[in-house]
Amino acid sequence: MSAARVLHWLWSDSAAARIARLPLVPVAGAYWAAVKLRAARRRPTVRLPLPTIAVGNLSVGGTGKTPLAAWIAGYCLGRGRRPAILLRGYGGDEPLVHARLVPQAIVVANPDRVAGAAVARAQGAAVLVLDDAYQLLDVARDVNILVVSAESAAGSPWPLPAGPWRERWGALLRADVIVVTRKRATAAAAGALADALARRRPGAPVCTAWLALDHLEGMETGRRCDAGTLAGRRIVAAAGIADPASFSEQLAAAGATVQLVAYQDHHPFSPGDVRRLAQAAAGRDYVVVTEKDAVKLRGRWPGGVPEPLVAVLAVRWERNGQLLEHALDAALRRSSEH
């Protein structure tokens, strides 16, 4: 069993998982205390030279902040502002994903966001989108967007390592806008979580978005096909992401019979991995991979084996999406002040 599957089982709500994580609870308590101390410590904040929109989460991976950050960058482009997406660059794949999702954006991977902002401004950026920046407490932002997934909220309530949480609900107070995302969770579950978060953070808009399977593209050719192509097909789903189970269920919801091959988040894919994945495809109709994994597999797929299909997700607003747009518009109007 992969490390990703072990963690998702350990952080699940099953009785066996609750027992298995008991030895980790003291470590989680120490982590929790350190996080609270860090959040409470006063520190000077740095104002970046351009309007700044931060996107982040409370849990480890899998909330959909990358597609949401790409959606925000696309929205800024639609308003005539060229965005730069600033990220730490951890894992090496996310900068490449952003470059493919929003080709017109400037993508800067640098753990020093001040230095990254200077590079972005020099290259012509008019607005900054900070990916994975909710815990970046020393940088000021015009809009602070918190992403919470309906899937992660249903699991272990403990912080790392006994659960997936970097911070818990007390950190809601820093959010200007909250976005509840869902992949395999129902719209009702996402709506119920949104209502609960709205009660905990009065005054902040709470939106819900479905990260839906929109279409598929050939990994090498870019050939586009409908999600309905998977109906009735037997496929191998390869996922080196934080929540491979959601990816598998999204493909199953499109009508496919899925054999999931799950890897650790940010998995680098050795030559042996690629070979074994191509072998696993024998006797199946398609191999389907995530955007995040496709950037590491392109140009390495063996000849004579049909190219994988890349699952492309879309952000589909189900509640209050216009309130997020209003917050973004307000930040863009302040561009003349920077």
C-alpha atoms as a PDB file:
ATOM      1  CA  MET A   1       0.000   0.000   0.000  1.00  0.00           C
ATOM      2  CA  SER A   2       1.356   3.450  -0.946  1.00  0.00           C
ATOM      3  CA  ALA A   3       2.145   6.081   1.676  1.00  0.00           C
ATOM      4  CA  ALA A   4      -0.695   8.211   0.282  1.00  0.00           C
ATOM      5  CA  ARG A   5      -3.205   5.437   0.891  1.00  0.00           C
ATOM      6  CA  VAL A   6      -1.832   4.781   4.385  1.00  0.00           C
ATOM      7  CA  LEU A   7      -2.241   8.446   5.349  1.00  0.00           C
ATOM      8  CA  HIS A   8      -5.738   8.704   3.929  1.00  0.00           C
ATOM      9  CA  TRP A   9      -6.735   5.590   5.840  1.00  0.00           C
ATOM     10  CA  LEU A  10      -5.030   6.834   9.031  1.00  0.00           C
ATOM     11  CA  TRP A  11      -6.859  10.161   8.793  1.00  0.00           C
ATOM     12  CA  SER A  12     -10.221   8.609   7.955  1.00  0.00           C
ATOM     13  CA  ASP A  13     -13.161   8.346  10.349  1.00  0.00           C
ATOM     14  CA  SER A  14     -13.126   4.554  10.664  1.00  0.00           C
ATOM     15  CA  ALA A  15     -12.921   2.967  14.110  1.00  0.00           C
ATOM     16  CA  ALA A  16      -9.673   1.173  13.251  1.00  0.00           C
ATOM     17  CA  ALA A  17      -8.040   4.403  12.052  1.00  0.00           C
ATOM     18  CA  ARG A  18      -9.063   6.244  15.230  1.00  0.00           C
ATOM     19  CA  ILE A  19      -7.321   3.580  17.293  1.00  0.00           C
ATOM     20  CA  ALA A  20      -4.234   3.458  15.059  1.00  0.00           C
ATOM     21  CA  ARG A  21      -3.569   7.184  15.342  1.00  0.00           C
ATOM     22  CA  LEU A  22      -3.812   7.344  19.137  1.00  0.00           C
ATOM     23  CA  PRO A  23       0.011   7.126  19.578  1.00  0.00           C
ATOM     24  CA  LEU A  24       0.340  10.222  17.363  1.00  0.00           C
ATOM     25  CA  VAL A  25      -1.999  12.384  19.421  1.00  0.00           C
ATOM     26  CA  PRO A  26       0.700  13.697  21.849  1.00  0.00           C
ATOM     27  CA  VAL A  27       2.865  14.725  18.880  1.00  0.00           C
ATOM     28  CA  ALA A  28      -0.157  16.410  17.314  1.00  0.00           C
ATOM     29  CA  GLY A  29      -0.746  18.303  20.557  1.00  0.00           C
ATOM     30  CA  ALA A  30       2.819  19.613  20.547  1.00  0.00           C
ATOM     31  CA  TYR A  31       2.446  20.656  16.913  1.00  0.00           C
ATOM     32  CA  TRP A  32      -0.831  22.412  17.732  1.00  0.00           C
ATOM     33  CA  ALA A  33       0.787  24.398  20.537  1.00  0.00           C
ATOM     34  CA  ALA A  34       3.649  25.493  18.277  1.00  0.00           C
ATOM     35  CA  VAL A  35       1.223  26.629  15.557  1.00  0.00           C
ATOM     36  CA  LYS A  36      -0.848  28.666  18.009  1.00  0.00           C
ATOM     37  CA  LEU A  37       2.273  30.296  19.435  1.00  0.00           C
ATOM     38  CA  ARG A  38       3.462  31.235  15.938  1.00  0.00           C
ATOM     39  CA  ALA A  39       0.074  32.679  14.961  1.00  0.00           C
ATOM     40  CA  ALA A  40      -0.120  34.725  18.170  1.00  0.00           C
ATOM     41  CA  ARG A  41       3.349  36.235  17.812  1.00  0.00           C
ATOM     42  CA  ARG A  42       3.270  39.795  16.514  1.00  0.00           C
ATOM     43  CA  ARG A  43       5.448  40.359  13.464  1.00  0.00           C
ATOM     44  CA  PRO A  44       5.898  43.154  10.915  1.00  0.00           C
ATOM     45  CA  THR A  45       4.165  42.533   7.603  1.00  0.00           C
ATOM     46  CA  VAL A  46       5.692  43.337   4.248  1.00  0.00           C
ATOM     47  CA  ARG A  47       3.533  45.015   1.602  1.00  0.00           C
ATOM     48  CA  LEU A  48       4.293  43.644  -1.865  1.00  0.00           C
ATOM     49  CA  PRO A  49       4.521  46.108  -4.781  1.00  0.00           C
ATOM     50  CA  LEU A  50       1.334  44.940  -6.545  1.00  0.00           C
ATOM     51  CA  PRO A  51      -2.230  44.008  -5.555  1.00  0.00           C
ATOM     52  CA  THR A  52      -1.908  40.711  -3.708  1.00  0.00           C
ATOM     53  CA  ILE A  53      -4.424  37.863  -3.613  1.00  0.00           C
ATOM     54  CA  ALA A  54      -3.480  34.962  -1.347  1.00  0.00           C
ATOM     55  CA  VAL A  55      -4.940  31.454  -1.620  1.00  0.00           C
ATOM     56  CA  GLY A  56      -4.310  28.721   0.923  1.00  0.00           C
ATOM     57  CA  ASN A  57      -5.796  26.052   3.119  1.00  0.00           C
ATOM     58  CA  LEU A  58      -5.882  24.676   6.639  1.00  0.00           C
ATOM     59  CA  SER A  59      -5.147  21.059   5.733  1.00  0.00           C
ATOM     60  CA  VAL A  60      -2.361  19.281   3.875  1.00  0.00           C
ATOM     61  CA  GLY A  61      -3.066  19.188   0.145  1.00  0.00           C
ATOM     62  CA  GLY A  62      -6.091  18.009  -1.755  1.00  0.00           C
ATOM     63  CA  THR A  63      -8.363  21.016  -1.223  1.00  0.00           C
ATOM     64  CA  GLY A  64      -8.217  22.339  -4.781  1.00  0.00           C
ATOM     65  CA  LYS A  65      -6.193  25.481  -4.132  1.00  0.00           C
ATOM     66  CA  THR A  66      -4.140  24.991  -7.320  1.00  0.00           C
ATOM     67  CA  PRO A  67      -7.146  24.956  -9.710  1.00  0.00           C
ATOM     68  CA  LEU A  68      -8.696  27.810  -7.710  1.00  0.00           C
ATOM     69  CA  ALA A  69      -5.509  29.890  -7.934  1.00  0.00           C
ATOM     70  CA  ALA A  70      -5.460  29.213 -11.688  1.00  0.00           C
ATOM     71  CA  TRP A  71      -9.120  30.268 -11.929  1.00  0.00           C
ATOM     72  CA  ILE A  72      -8.313  33.509 -10.090  1.00  0.00           C
ATOM     73  CA  ALA A  73      -5.374  34.186 -12.421  1.00  0.00           C
ATOM     74  CA  GLY A  74      -7.684  33.644 -15.397  1.00  0.00           C
ATOM     75  CA  TYR A  75     -10.242  36.004 -13.877  1.00  0.00           C
ATOM     76  CA  CYS A  76      -7.606  38.718 -13.517  1.00  0.00           C
ATOM     77  CA  LEU A  77      -6.630  38.239 -17.159  1.00  0.00           C
ATOM     78  CA  GLY A  78     -10.266  38.673 -18.114  1.00  0.00           C
ATOM     79  CA  ARG A  79     -10.221  42.005 -16.261  1.00  0.00           C
ATOM     80  CA  GLY A  80      -7.204  43.176 -18.246  1.00  0.00           C
ATOM     81  CA  ARG A  81      -4.602  42.595 -15.506  1.00  0.00           C
ATOM     82  CA  ARG A  82      -1.729  40.239 -16.247  1.00  0.00           C
ATOM     83  CA  PRO A  83      -1.256  38.039 -13.171  1.00  0.00           C
ATOM     84  CA  ALA A  84       1.799  36.464 -11.668  1.00  0.00           C
ATOM     85  CA  ILE A  85       1.371  33.261  -9.708  1.00  0.00           C
ATOM     86  CA  LEU A  86       3.887  33.092  -6.869  1.00  0.00           C
ATOM     87  CA  LEU A  87       4.586  29.798  -5.137  1.00  0.00           C
ATOM     88  CA  ARG A  88       7.243  28.145  -3.071  1.00  0.00           C
ATOM     89  CA  GLY A  89       7.941  25.611  -5.815  1.00  0.00           C
ATOM     90  CA  TYR A  90       7.812  22.612  -3.493  1.00  0.00           C
ATOM     91  CA  GLY A  91       7.822  19.334  -5.427  1.00  0.00           C
ATOM     92  CA  GLY A  92       8.651  20.988  -8.749  1.00  0.00           C
ATOM     93  CA  ASP A  93       5.376  20.096 -10.453  1.00  0.00           C
ATOM     94  CA  GLU A  94       3.030  22.918  -9.447  1.00  0.00           C
ATOM     95  CA  PRO A  95       4.871  25.695 -11.361  1.00  0.00           C
ATOM     96  CA  LEU A  96       4.611  23.565 -14.502  1.00  0.00           C
ATOM     97  CA  VAL A  97       0.914  22.911 -13.860  1.00  0.00           C
ATOM     98  CA  HIS A  98       0.200  26.635 -13.490  1.00  0.00           C
ATOM     99  CA  ALA A  99       2.150  27.411 -16.646  1.00  0.00           C
ATOM    100  CA  ARG A 100      -0.081  24.981 -18.554  1.00  0.00           C
ATOM    101  CA  LEU A 101      -3.350  26.035 -16.926  1.00  0.00           C
ATOM    102  CA  VAL A 102      -2.765  29.785 -17.439  1.00  0.00           C
ATOM    103  CA  PRO A 103      -0.153  30.182 -20.210  1.00  0.00           C
ATOM    104  CA  GLN A 104      -0.447  33.994 -20.199  1.00  0.00           C
ATOM    105  CA  ALA A 105       0.433  34.232 -16.496  1.00  0.00           C
ATOM    106  CA  ILE A 106       3.910  34.792 -15.132  1.00  0.00           C
ATOM    107  CA  VAL A 107       4.833  31.901 -12.847  1.00  0.00           C
ATOM    108  CA  VAL A 108       7.529  32.496 -10.238  1.00  0.00           C
ATOM    109  CA  ALA A 109       8.669  29.710  -7.917  1.00  0.00           C
ATOM    110  CA  ASN A 110      10.590  31.187  -4.993  1.00  0.00           C
ATOM    111  CA  PRO A 111      10.118  30.592  -1.250  1.00  0.00           C
ATOM    112  CA  ASP A 112      10.976  34.292  -0.761  1.00  0.00           C
ATOM    113  CA  ARG A 113       7.729  35.919  -1.903  1.00  0.00           C
ATOM    114  CA  VAL A 114       9.233  39.421  -1.714  1.00  0.00           C
ATOM    115  CA  ALA A 115      11.972  38.457  -4.170  1.00  0.00           C
ATOM    116  CA  GLY A 116       9.425  36.595  -6.290  1.00  0.00           C
ATOM    117  CA  ALA A 117       7.184  39.666  -6.413  1.00  0.00           C
ATOM    118  CA  ALA A 118      10.076  41.817  -7.624  1.00  0.00           C
ATOM    119  CA  VAL A 119      10.780  39.346 -10.443  1.00  0.00           C
ATOM    120  CA  ALA A 120       7.088  39.254 -11.380  1.00  0.00           C
ATOM    121  CA  ARG A 121       6.798  43.031 -11.470  1.00  0.00           C
ATOM    122  CA  ALA A 122       9.909  43.319 -13.638  1.00  0.00           C
ATOM    123  CA  GLN A 123       8.338  40.878 -16.097  1.00  0.00           C
ATOM    124  CA  GLY A 124       5.173  42.947 -16.432  1.00  0.00           C
ATOM    125  CA  ALA A 125       2.784  41.521 -13.845  1.00  0.00           C
ATOM    126  CA  ALA A 126      -0.043  43.776 -12.656  1.00  0.00           C
ATOM    127  CA  VAL A 127      -1.393  41.563  -9.844  1.00  0.00           C
ATOM    128  CA  LEU A 128       0.047  38.815  -7.656  1.00  0.00           C
ATOM    129  CA  VAL A 129      -1.682  35.511  -6.856  1.00  0.00           C
ATOM    130  CA  LEU A 130       0.056  33.770  -3.953  1.00  0.00           C
ATOM    131  CA  ASP A 131      -0.559  30.025  -4.024  1.00  0.00           C
ATOM    132  CA  ASP A 132      -0.392  28.123  -0.716  1.00  0.00           C
ATOM    133  CA  ALA A 133       0.026  31.305   1.312  1.00  0.00           C
ATOM    134  CA  TYR A 134      -2.536  31.155   4.127  1.00  0.00           C
ATOM    135  CA  GLN A 135       0.189  30.415   6.691  1.00  0.00           C
ATOM    136  CA  LEU A 136       2.472  33.097   5.230  1.00  0.00           C
ATOM    137  CA  LEU A 137       1.847  35.543   8.063  1.00  0.00           C
ATOM    138  CA  ASP A 138       4.519  38.149   7.356  1.00  0.00           C
ATOM    139  CA  VAL A 139       3.230  39.244   3.931  1.00  0.00           C
ATOM    140  CA  ALA A 140       0.242  41.600   3.632  1.00  0.00           C
ATOM    141  CA  ARG A 141      -2.491  40.776   1.151  1.00  0.00           C
ATOM    142  CA  ASP A 142      -5.479  42.596  -0.309  1.00  0.00           C
ATOM    143  CA  VAL A 143      -7.651  39.465  -0.309  1.00  0.00           C
ATOM    144  CA  ASN A 144      -6.982  36.419   1.858  1.00  0.00           C
ATOM    145  CA  ILE A 145      -8.834  33.377   0.479  1.00  0.00           C
ATOM    146  CA  LEU A 146      -9.169  30.214   2.541  1.00  0.00           C
ATOM    147  CA  VAL A 147      -9.954  26.947   0.739  1.00  0.00           C
ATOM    148  CA  VAL A 148     -11.560  24.097   2.711  1.00  0.00           C
ATOM    149  CA  SER A 149     -12.489  20.818   1.045  1.00  0.00           C
ATOM    150  CA  ALA A 150     -15.647  18.980   1.993  1.00  0.00           C
ATOM    151  CA  GLU A 151     -13.652  15.731   1.821  1.00  0.00           C
ATOM    152  CA  SER A 152     -10.950  16.741   4.329  1.00  0.00           C
ATOM    153  CA  ALA A 153     -13.475  18.151   6.796  1.00  0.00           C
ATOM    154  CA  ALA A 154     -15.080  14.726   7.159  1.00  0.00           C
ATOM    155  CA  GLY A 155     -11.925  12.978   8.421  1.00  0.00           C
ATOM    156  CA  SER A 156      -9.688  13.170  11.477  1.00  0.00           C
ATOM    157  CA  PRO A 157     -10.071  16.381  13.514  1.00  0.00           C
ATOM    158  CA  TRP A 158      -6.462  16.228  14.719  1.00  0.00           C
ATOM    159  CA  PRO A 159      -3.540  18.359  13.494  1.00  0.00           C
ATOM    160  CA  LEU A 160      -0.451  16.803  11.931  1.00  0.00           C
ATOM    161  CA  PRO A 161       0.611  14.020  12.141  1.00  0.00           C
ATOM    162  CA  ALA A 162      -2.546  12.466  13.654  1.00  0.00           C
ATOM    163  CA  GLY A 163      -4.682  14.296  11.099  1.00  0.00           C
ATOM    164  CA  PRO A 164      -4.305  16.455   7.994  1.00  0.00           C
ATOM    165  CA  TRP A 165      -4.686  19.845   9.692  1.00  0.00           C
ATOM    166  CA  ARG A 166      -2.058  22.592   9.657  1.00  0.00           C
ATOM    167  CA  GLU A 167      -4.474  24.866  11.532  1.00  0.00           C
ATOM    168  CA  ARG A 168      -8.047  24.496  12.701  1.00  0.00           C
ATOM    169  CA  TRP A 169     -11.139  26.691  12.793  1.00  0.00           C
ATOM    170  CA  GLY A 170      -9.619  29.474  14.895  1.00  0.00           C
ATOM    171  CA  ALA A 171      -7.647  30.467  11.787  1.00  0.00           C
ATOM    172  CA  LEU A 172     -10.897  31.328   9.987  1.00  0.00           C
ATOM    173  CA  LEU A 173     -10.643  34.813  11.483  1.00  0.00           C
ATOM    174  CA  ARG A 174      -7.852  35.665   9.027  1.00  0.00           C
ATOM    175  CA  ALA A 175     -10.008  34.834   5.990  1.00  0.00           C
ATOM    176  CA  ASP A 176     -11.585  37.532   3.843  1.00  0.00           C
ATOM    177  CA  VAL A 177     -13.333  34.922   1.675  1.00  0.00           C
ATOM    178  CA  ILE A 178     -13.870  31.207   2.337  1.00  0.00           C
ATOM    179  CA  VAL A 179     -14.252  28.744  -0.541  1.00  0.00           C
ATOM    180  CA  VAL A 180     -15.581  25.250   0.177  1.00  0.00           C
ATOM    181  CA  THR A 181     -14.605  22.848  -2.586  1.00  0.00           C
ATOM    182  CA  ARG A 182     -15.824  19.377  -3.385  1.00  0.00           C
ATOM    183  CA  LYS A 183     -14.729  16.579  -5.686  1.00  0.00           C
ATOM    184  CA  ARG A 184     -16.429  13.365  -4.559  1.00  0.00           C
ATOM    185  CA  ALA A 185     -18.486  14.885  -1.742  1.00  0.00           C
ATOM    186  CA  THR A 186     -22.098  15.786  -2.472  1.00  0.00           C
ATOM    187  CA  ALA A 187     -23.358  19.316  -3.015  1.00  0.00           C
ATOM    188  CA  ALA A 188     -25.398  18.915   0.170  1.00  0.00           C
ATOM    189  CA  ALA A 189     -22.283  18.053   2.198  1.00  0.00           C
ATOM    190  CA  ALA A 190     -20.395  21.042   0.803  1.00  0.00           C
ATOM    191  CA  GLY A 191     -23.377  23.298   1.513  1.00  0.00           C
ATOM    192  CA  ALA A 192     -23.660  22.075   5.104  1.00  0.00           C
ATOM    193  CA  LEU A 193     -19.956  22.731   5.687  1.00  0.00           C
ATOM    194  CA  ALA A 194     -20.310  26.205   4.150  1.00  0.00           C
ATOM    195  CA  ASP A 195     -23.178  26.982   6.520  1.00  0.00           C
ATOM    196  CA  ALA A 196     -21.125  25.821   9.516  1.00  0.00           C
ATOM    197  CA  LEU A 197     -18.122  27.927   8.487  1.00  0.00           C
ATOM    198  CA  ALA A 198     -20.347  30.969   7.918  1.00  0.00           C
ATOM    199  CA  ARG A 199     -21.536  30.671  11.521  1.00  0.00           C
ATOM    200  CA  ARG A 200     -17.937  30.474  12.733  1.00  0.00           C
ATOM    201  CA  ARG A 201     -16.771  33.417  10.612  1.00  0.00           C
ATOM    202  CA  PRO A 202     -19.623  35.952  10.448  1.00  0.00           C
ATOM    203  CA  GLY A 203     -19.199  38.641   7.840  1.00  0.00           C
ATOM    204  CA  ALA A 204     -16.905  36.728   5.489  1.00  0.00           C
ATOM    205  CA  PRO A 205     -18.426  35.526   2.203  1.00  0.00           C
ATOM    206  CA  VAL A 206     -18.538  31.724   1.987  1.00  0.00           C
ATOM    207  CA  CYS A 207     -18.634  30.235  -1.514  1.00  0.00           C
ATOM    208  CA  THR A 208     -18.915  26.641  -2.701  1.00  0.00           C
ATOM    209  CA  ALA A 209     -17.315  25.232  -5.844  1.00  0.00           C
ATOM    210  CA  TRP A 210     -17.432  21.830  -7.516  1.00  0.00           C
ATOM    211  CA  LEU A 211     -14.062  20.805  -8.983  1.00  0.00           C
ATOM    212  CA  ALA A 212     -15.633  18.808 -11.779  1.00  0.00           C
ATOM    213  CA  LEU A 213     -14.121  16.627 -14.477  1.00  0.00           C
ATOM    214  CA  ASP A 214     -14.572  18.897 -17.498  1.00  0.00           C
ATOM    215  CA  HIS A 215     -12.845  17.052 -20.328  1.00  0.00           C
ATOM    216  CA  LEU A 216      -9.814  14.939 -21.250  1.00  0.00           C
ATOM    217  CA  GLU A 217      -6.754  15.746 -23.348  1.00  0.00           C
ATOM    218  CA  GLY A 218      -4.127  13.516 -24.936  1.00  0.00           C
ATOM    219  CA  MET A 219      -0.981  13.868 -22.864  1.00  0.00           C
ATOM    220  CA  GLU A 220       1.321  14.298 -25.874  1.00  0.00           C
ATOM    221  CA  THR A 221      -1.010  15.394 -28.676  1.00  0.00           C
ATOM    222  CA  GLY A 222      -3.391  17.598 -26.685  1.00  0.00           C
ATOM    223  CA  ARG A 223      -6.298  15.944 -28.499  1.00  0.00           C
ATOM    224  CA  ARG A 224      -9.471  16.889 -26.629  1.00  0.00           C
ATOM    225  CA  CYS A 225     -12.338  14.521 -25.876  1.00  0.00           C
ATOM    226  CA  ASP A 226     -15.442  14.651 -23.709  1.00  0.00           C
ATOM    227  CA  ALA A 227     -15.572  13.174 -20.231  1.00  0.00           C
ATOM    228  CA  GLY A 228     -18.263  10.877 -21.613  1.00  0.00           C
ATOM    229  CA  THR A 229     -15.505   9.076 -23.509  1.00  0.00           C
ATOM    230  CA  LEU A 230     -14.856   7.128 -20.296  1.00  0.00           C
ATOM    231  CA  ALA A 231     -18.391   5.708 -20.021  1.00  0.00           C
ATOM    232  CA  GLY A 232     -18.260   1.923 -20.016  1.00  0.00           C
ATOM    233  CA  ARG A 233     -14.451   1.853 -20.337  1.00  0.00           C
ATOM    234  CA  ARG A 234     -11.886  -0.009 -18.221  1.00  0.00           C
ATOM    235  CA  ILE A 235      -9.131   2.390 -17.248  1.00  0.00           C
ATOM    236  CA  VAL A 236      -6.001   2.733 -15.148  1.00  0.00           C
ATOM    237  CA  ALA A 237      -6.026   5.941 -13.099  1.00  0.00           C
ATOM    238  CA  ALA A 238      -2.561   7.098 -12.001  1.00  0.00           C
ATOM    239  CA  ALA A 239      -2.461   9.750  -9.298  1.00  0.00           C
ATOM    240  CA  GLY A 240       0.507  11.178  -7.410  1.00  0.00           C
ATOM    241  CA  ILE A 241      -1.598  13.734  -5.557  1.00  0.00           C
ATOM    242  CA  ALA A 242      -2.783  14.343  -2.010  1.00  0.00           C
ATOM    243  CA  ASP A 243      -6.219  12.776  -2.541  1.00  0.00           C
ATOM    244  CA  PRO A 244      -6.025   9.979  -5.133  1.00  0.00           C
ATOM    245  CA  ALA A 245      -9.322   8.472  -3.954  1.00  0.00           C
ATOM    246  CA  SER A 246     -11.242  11.563  -5.083  1.00  0.00           C
ATOM    247  CA  PHE A 247      -9.597  11.366  -8.503  1.00  0.00           C
ATOM    248  CA  SER A 248     -10.613   7.723  -8.836  1.00  0.00           C
ATOM    249  CA  GLU A 249     -14.193   8.472  -7.824  1.00  0.00           C
ATOM    250  CA  GLN A 250     -14.439  11.371 -10.273  1.00  0.00           C
ATOM    251  CA  LEU A 251     -13.502   9.022 -13.109  1.00  0.00           C
ATOM    252  CA  ALA A 252     -15.875   6.350 -11.848  1.00  0.00           C
ATOM    253  CA  ALA A 253     -18.670   8.939 -11.795  1.00  0.00           C
ATOM    254  CA  ALA A 254     -18.032   9.438 -15.525  1.00  0.00           C
ATOM    255  CA  GLY A 255     -18.920   5.776 -16.031  1.00  0.00           C
ATOM    256  CA  ALA A 256     -15.468   4.159 -16.049  1.00  0.00           C
ATOM    257  CA  THR A 257     -14.355   0.982 -14.299  1.00  0.00           C
ATOM    258  CA  VAL A 258     -11.258   2.224 -12.502  1.00  0.00           C
ATOM    259  CA  GLN A 259      -8.056   0.503 -11.414  1.00  0.00           C
ATOM    260  CA  LEU A 260      -6.335   3.108  -9.224  1.00  0.00           C
ATOM    261  CA  VAL A 261      -2.531   3.288  -9.043  1.00  0.00           C
ATOM    262  CA  ALA A 262      -1.860   5.769  -6.221  1.00  0.00           C
ATOM    263  CA  TYR A 263       1.475   7.383  -5.455  1.00  0.00           C
ATOM    264  CA  GLN A 264       2.705   9.795  -2.801  1.00  0.00           C
ATOM    265  CA  ASP A 265       1.945  13.483  -3.431  1.00  0.00           C
ATOM    266  CA  HIS A 266       4.589  15.059  -5.721  1.00  0.00           C
ATOM    267  CA  HIS A 267       5.816  11.600  -6.771  1.00  0.00           C
ATOM    268  CA  PRO A 268       8.767  12.002  -9.199  1.00  0.00           C
ATOM    269  CA  PHE A 269       8.047   8.890 -11.399  1.00  0.00           C
ATOM    270  CA  SER A 270      11.212   6.901 -11.926  1.00  0.00           C
ATOM    271  CA  PRO A 271      11.824   5.083 -15.260  1.00  0.00           C
ATOM    272  CA  GLY A 272      10.650   1.903 -13.519  1.00  0.00           C
ATOM    273  CA  ASP A 273       7.408   3.604 -12.460  1.00  0.00           C
ATOM    274  CA  VAL A 274       6.728   4.676 -16.043  1.00  0.00           C
ATOM    275  CA  ARG A 275       7.449   1.182 -17.344  1.00  0.00           C
ATOM    276  CA  ARG A 276       5.207  -0.493 -14.753  1.00  0.00           C
ATOM    277  CA  LEU A 277       2.413   1.983 -15.417  1.00  0.00           C
ATOM    278  CA  ALA A 278       2.594   1.305 -19.157  1.00  0.00           C
ATOM    279  CA  GLN A 279       2.484  -2.429 -18.435  1.00  0.00           C
ATOM    280  CA  ALA A 280      -0.547  -1.965 -16.183  1.00  0.00           C
ATOM    281  CA  ALA A 281      -2.310  -0.323 -19.116  1.00  0.00           C
ATOM    282  CA  ALA A 282      -2.266  -3.569 -21.085  1.00  0.00           C
ATOM    283  CA  GLY A 283      -5.784  -4.841 -21.468  1.00  0.00           C
ATOM    284  CA  ARG A 284      -7.305  -1.510 -20.440  1.00  0.00           C
ATOM    285  CA  ASP A 285      -8.945   1.058 -22.688  1.00  0.00           C
ATOM    286  CA  TYR A 286      -7.152   4.115 -21.331  1.00  0.00           C
ATOM    287  CA  VAL A 287      -4.610   5.354 -18.831  1.00  0.00           C
ATOM    288  CA  VAL A 288      -5.864   8.567 -17.214  1.00  0.00           C
ATOM    289  CA  VAL A 289      -3.566  10.861 -15.247  1.00  0.00           C
ATOM    290  CA  THR A 290      -3.887  14.146 -13.356  1.00  0.00           C
ATOM    291  CA  GLU A 291      -2.593  17.484 -14.618  1.00  0.00           C
ATOM    292  CA  LYS A 292      -0.027  17.391 -11.835  1.00  0.00           C
ATOM    293  CA  ASP A 293       1.371  14.039 -12.946  1.00  0.00           C
ATOM    294  CA  ALA A 294       1.169  14.733 -16.676  1.00  0.00           C
ATOM    295  CA  VAL A 295       3.834  17.447 -16.430  1.00  0.00           C
ATOM    296  CA  LYS A 296       6.279  14.799 -15.154  1.00  0.00           C
ATOM    297  CA  LEU A 297       5.300  12.077 -17.612  1.00  0.00           C
ATOM    298  CA  ARG A 298       5.310  14.042 -20.877  1.00  0.00           C
ATOM    299  CA  GLY A 299       8.108  13.010 -23.200  1.00  0.00           C
ATOM    300  CA  ARG A 300       8.791   9.860 -21.162  1.00  0.00           C
ATOM    301  CA  TRP A 301       5.910   7.615 -22.227  1.00  0.00           C
ATOM    302  CA  PRO A 302       7.123   4.508 -24.115  1.00  0.00           C
ATOM    303  CA  GLY A 303       6.460   4.277 -27.830  1.00  0.00           C
ATOM    304  CA  GLY A 304       3.885   1.800 -29.024  1.00  0.00           C
ATOM    305  CA  VAL A 305       1.691   2.329 -25.963  1.00  0.00           C
ATOM    306  CA  PRO A 306      -1.359   4.606 -26.423  1.00  0.00           C
ATOM    307  CA  GLU A 307      -0.806   7.995 -24.802  1.00  0.00           C
ATOM    308  CA  PRO A 308      -2.482   8.663 -21.454  1.00  0.00           C
ATOM    309  CA  LEU A 309      -5.428  10.997 -21.207  1.00  0.00           C
ATOM    310  CA  VAL A 310      -5.120  13.975 -18.865  1.00  0.00           C
ATOM    311  CA  ALA A 311      -8.166  14.746 -16.720  1.00  0.00           C
ATOM    312  CA  VAL A 312      -8.872  18.481 -16.858  1.00  0.00           C
ATOM    313  CA  LEU A 313     -10.922  19.909 -13.996  1.00  0.00           C
ATOM    314  CA  ALA A 314     -13.144  22.978 -14.051  1.00  0.00           C
ATOM    315  CA  VAL A 315     -14.181  25.239 -11.166  1.00  0.00           C
ATOM    316  CA  ARG A 316     -17.990  25.315 -11.213  1.00  0.00           C
ATOM    317  CA  TRP A 317     -19.493  27.728  -8.713  1.00  0.00           C
ATOM    318  CA  GLU A 318     -22.488  26.408  -6.814  1.00  0.00           C
ATOM    319  CA  ARG A 319     -22.934  29.172  -4.256  1.00  0.00           C
ATOM    320  CA  ASN A 320     -21.809  32.807  -3.946  1.00  0.00           C
ATOM    321  CA  GLY A 321     -19.177  32.743  -6.683  1.00  0.00           C
ATOM    322  CA  GLN A 322     -20.077  36.344  -7.495  1.00  0.00           C
ATOM    323  CA  LEU A 323     -19.035  37.400  -3.987  1.00  0.00           C
ATOM    324  CA  LEU A 324     -15.507  36.170  -4.660  1.00  0.00           C
ATOM    325  CA  GLU A 325     -15.563  38.106  -7.936  1.00  0.00           C
ATOM    326  CA  HIS A 326     -16.562  41.270  -6.041  1.00  0.00           C
ATOM    327  CA  ALA A 327     -13.633  40.820  -3.643  1.00  0.00           C
ATOM    328  CA  LEU A 328     -11.221  40.323  -6.537  1.00  0.00           C
ATOM    329  CA  ASP A 329     -12.585  43.363  -8.361  1.00  0.00           C
ATOM    330  CA  ALA A 330     -12.055  45.498  -5.258  1.00  0.00           C
ATOM    331  CA  ALA A 331      -8.418  44.370  -5.079  1.00  0.00           C
ATOM    332  CA  LEU A 332      -7.871  45.092  -8.772  1.00  0.00           C
ATOM    333  CA  ARG A 333      -9.304  48.585  -8.380  1.00  0.00           C
ATOM    334  CA  ARG A 334      -6.614  49.290  -5.810  1.00  0.00           C
ATOM    335  CA  SER A 335      -3.900  48.614  -8.398  1.00  0.00           C
ATOM    336  CA  SER A 336      -3.341  52.329  -8.938  1.00  0.00           C
ATOM    337  CA  GLU A 337      -2.293  52.637  -5.294  1.00  0.00           C
ATOM    338  CA  HIS A 338       0.637  50.266  -5.726  1.00  0.00           C
END
